[in-house]
Amino acid sequence: MNLRPGVWAFLEDARRGAFEIVVAEAFDRVSRDQADVTTLYKHLRFADIMIVTLSEREINELHDGLKGTMNALFLKDRAAKMHRGL
């Protein structure tokens, strides 16, 4: 996230109350990095902003923990498959 200024601008807008809800196709569209997704979730919940996805509906702590882990495993698996393919 440190390399993505758009994310920090998004969080600043959240802090200022520029929006009340984040809507995404699925939680992995928000981020697949476990640390990033937890950071985003914590900042948005602190700002009282709800995250809703078409796949999972309203995101809560369970989604943050489990989906964050599953997304991180997906990235690791994809990297291994790419290395095998090379």
Protein backbone atom coordinates (compact mmCIF):
# COMPACT_ATOMS: atom_id res chain seq x y z
CA MET A 1 0.00 0.00 0.00
CA ASN A 2 2.92 2.35 0.55
CA LEU A 3 3.51 2.41 -3.19
CA ARG A 4 -0.12 3.18 -4.05
CA PRO A 5 -0.95 6.84 -3.49
CA GLY A 6 -4.50 6.27 -4.73
CA VAL A 7 -5.17 3.98 -1.77
CA TRP A 8 -3.96 6.61 0.68
CA ALA A 9 -6.15 9.24 -1.02
CA PHE A 10 -9.07 6.80 -0.74
CA LEU A 11 -8.43 6.36 3.00
CA GLU A 12 -8.15 10.12 3.46
CA ASP A 13 -11.54 10.55 1.75
CA ALA A 14 -12.93 7.89 4.08
CA ARG A 15 -11.57 9.72 7.10
CA ARG A 16 -13.18 12.96 5.91
CA GLY A 17 -16.54 11.23 5.48
CA ALA A 18 -16.67 11.58 1.70
CA PHE A 19 -18.66 8.32 1.41
CA GLU A 20 -20.53 5.86 3.61
CA ILE A 21 -20.14 2.56 1.78
CA VAL A 22 -17.66 0.74 -0.45
CA VAL A 23 -19.14 -1.65 -3.00
CA ALA A 24 -17.03 -4.23 -4.84
CA GLU A 25 -17.57 -7.36 -6.91
CA ALA A 26 -15.80 -9.51 -4.31
CA PHE A 27 -13.49 -8.96 -1.35
CA ASP A 28 -10.46 -10.05 -3.38
CA ARG A 29 -11.15 -7.10 -5.70
CA VAL A 30 -10.40 -4.78 -2.78
CA SER A 31 -6.98 -6.37 -2.28
CA ARG A 32 -5.40 -9.81 -2.23
CA ASP A 33 -2.61 -8.83 0.15
CA GLN A 34 -3.53 -10.00 3.65
CA ALA A 35 -1.91 -7.05 5.43
CA ASP A 36 -3.41 -4.50 3.04
CA VAL A 37 -6.93 -5.89 3.27
CA THR A 38 -6.78 -5.86 7.07
CA THR A 39 -5.44 -2.29 7.10
CA LEU A 40 -8.15 -1.13 4.71
CA TYR A 41 -10.84 -2.93 6.68
CA LYS A 42 -9.67 -1.42 9.99
CA HIS A 43 -9.47 2.13 8.59
CA LEU A 44 -12.89 1.88 6.96
CA ARG A 45 -14.57 0.40 10.03
CA PHE A 46 -13.00 3.11 12.21
CA ALA A 47 -14.55 5.67 9.85
CA ASP A 48 -17.88 3.78 10.17
CA ILE A 49 -17.84 2.88 6.48
CA MET A 50 -19.40 -0.41 5.43
CA ILE A 51 -17.82 -2.68 2.81
CA VAL A 52 -20.34 -4.64 0.75
CA THR A 53 -19.52 -7.09 -2.02
CA LEU A 54 -21.80 -8.82 -4.47
CA SER A 55 -20.24 -12.18 -3.55
CA GLU A 56 -20.04 -11.99 0.23
CA ARG A 57 -22.57 -9.23 1.07
CA GLU A 58 -21.54 -7.11 4.10
CA ILE A 59 -17.91 -7.69 5.04
CA ASN A 60 -17.13 -8.33 8.70
CA GLU A 61 -14.17 -9.47 10.80
CA LEU A 62 -14.66 -13.07 9.72
CA HIS A 63 -14.32 -12.14 6.04
CA ASP A 64 -11.32 -9.98 6.82
CA GLY A 65 -9.49 -12.85 8.53
CA LEU A 66 -10.54 -15.82 6.41
CA LYS A 67 -10.79 -14.18 2.99
CA GLY A 68 -7.58 -12.26 3.64
CA THR A 69 -5.79 -15.55 4.35
CA MET A 70 -7.36 -17.29 1.35
CA ASN A 71 -6.40 -14.42 -0.96
CA ALA A 72 -2.81 -14.51 0.30
CA LEU A 73 -2.70 -18.27 -0.36
CA PHE A 74 -4.09 -17.69 -3.84
CA LEU A 75 -1.24 -15.27 -4.61
CA LYS A 76 1.35 -17.72 -3.30
CA ASP A 77 -0.15 -20.56 -5.36
CA ARG A 78 -0.31 -18.41 -8.49
CA ALA A 79 3.35 -17.41 -8.08
CA ALA A 80 4.37 -21.07 -7.76
CA LYS A 81 2.42 -21.99 -10.90
CA MET A 82 4.05 -19.13 -12.83
CA HIS A 83 7.51 -20.27 -11.76
CA ARG A 84 6.74 -23.84 -12.84
CA GLY A 85 5.51 -22.51 -16.18
CA LEU A 86 8.75 -20.65 -16.77
